[in-house]
Protein backbone atom coordinates (compact mmCIF):
# COMPACT_ATOMS: atom_id res chain seq x y z
CA MET A 1 17.95 -9.61 -17.87
CA ILE A 2 20.64 -10.48 -20.12
CA VAL A 3 23.80 -8.66 -20.07
CA PRO A 4 24.85 -7.96 -23.57
CA LYS A 5 28.53 -9.41 -24.26
CA PRO A 6 31.05 -7.06 -25.48
CA PHE A 7 32.92 -8.03 -28.24
CA ALA A 8 36.28 -7.09 -29.58
CA ARG A 9 36.58 -4.48 -32.33
CA ASP A 10 38.60 -7.14 -34.45
CA PHE A 11 36.18 -9.62 -33.98
CA LYS A 12 33.34 -7.17 -35.14
CA LEU A 13 35.56 -6.09 -38.27
CA ASN A 14 36.26 -9.76 -39.53
CA ALA A 15 32.43 -10.51 -39.18
CA VAL A 16 31.69 -7.36 -41.39
CA GLN A 17 34.04 -8.05 -43.79
CA MET A 18 32.46 -11.84 -44.16
CA VAL A 19 29.45 -9.62 -45.45
CA LYS A 20 31.17 -7.40 -47.46
CA GLN A 21 34.17 -9.50 -49.04
CA GLN A 22 32.63 -12.93 -49.29
CA GLY A 23 29.08 -12.03 -49.78
CA LYS A 24 27.55 -13.87 -46.98
CA SER A 25 24.41 -12.40 -45.76
CA ALA A 26 24.61 -10.34 -42.17
CA SER A 27 22.08 -13.59 -41.14
CA GLN A 28 24.24 -16.19 -42.17
CA VAL A 29 27.47 -14.94 -40.59
CA ALA A 30 25.45 -14.06 -37.50
CA ARG A 31 24.54 -17.70 -37.53
CA ASP A 32 27.77 -19.10 -37.95
CA LEU A 33 29.28 -16.91 -35.25
CA GLY A 34 26.44 -17.70 -32.70
CA ILE A 35 25.85 -13.89 -32.37
CA SER A 36 22.29 -12.53 -32.73
CA PRO A 37 21.43 -10.98 -36.12
CA LYS A 38 20.34 -8.02 -34.93
CA THR A 39 23.73 -7.24 -33.61
CA MET A 40 25.37 -8.40 -36.79
CA HIS A 41 23.08 -6.03 -38.74
CA GLY A 42 24.14 -3.48 -36.31
CA TRP A 43 27.86 -3.81 -37.06
CA VAL A 44 27.13 -3.50 -40.63
CA GLN A 45 25.46 -0.32 -40.35
CA HIS A 46 28.30 0.89 -38.34
CA TYR A 47 30.49 0.02 -40.57
CA LYS A 48 28.66 2.01 -43.66
CA GLU A 49 28.36 4.87 -41.85
CA ASP A 50 32.10 5.51 -40.84
CA PRO A 51 34.60 2.79 -42.53
CA VAL A 52 37.55 4.47 -41.12
CA SER A 53 37.01 4.00 -37.30
CA PRO A 54 33.36 2.19 -37.17
CA PHE A 55 34.02 0.08 -33.71
CA VAL A 56 35.42 2.93 -31.19
CA GLY A 57 35.23 1.62 -27.71
CA SER A 58 33.37 2.56 -24.76
CA GLY A 59 34.79 5.55 -23.17
CA HIS A 60 36.45 6.18 -26.70
CA LEU A 61 36.28 9.06 -28.96
CA LYS A 62 36.27 8.73 -33.03
CA PRO A 63 39.32 10.56 -34.16
CA ASP A 64 37.63 13.91 -35.19
CA ALA A 65 35.86 14.02 -31.86
CA GLN A 66 38.98 13.57 -29.62
CA ALA A 67 40.73 16.45 -31.70
CA PHE A 68 37.87 18.79 -31.00
CA ARG A 69 37.81 17.50 -27.28
CA GLU A 70 41.15 18.37 -26.75
CA LEU A 71 40.90 21.64 -28.95
CA GLU A 72 37.87 22.70 -26.57
CA ARG A 73 39.96 21.81 -23.28
CA GLU A 74 42.76 24.14 -24.87
CA ASN A 75 40.79 26.95 -25.22
CA HIS A 76 39.14 26.36 -21.62
CA ASP A 77 42.75 26.60 -20.55
CA LEU A 78 43.34 29.89 -22.31
């Protein structure tokens, strides 16, 4: 079984920027970086869906989800 390697948020953002700004294909960037084309296409898709905060780390929430969670906790405490 192959365990996926975790990539830093900045690495993902830089890879996506190579596609968006330099006009390279996602497959070409994946080859250049030595990652799976499927992974690269997934990163591009995540970025398209939410360019403000596309790659939240495991265990972390997007800002609006975090605010909602905090409000739920405050409500529960009251």
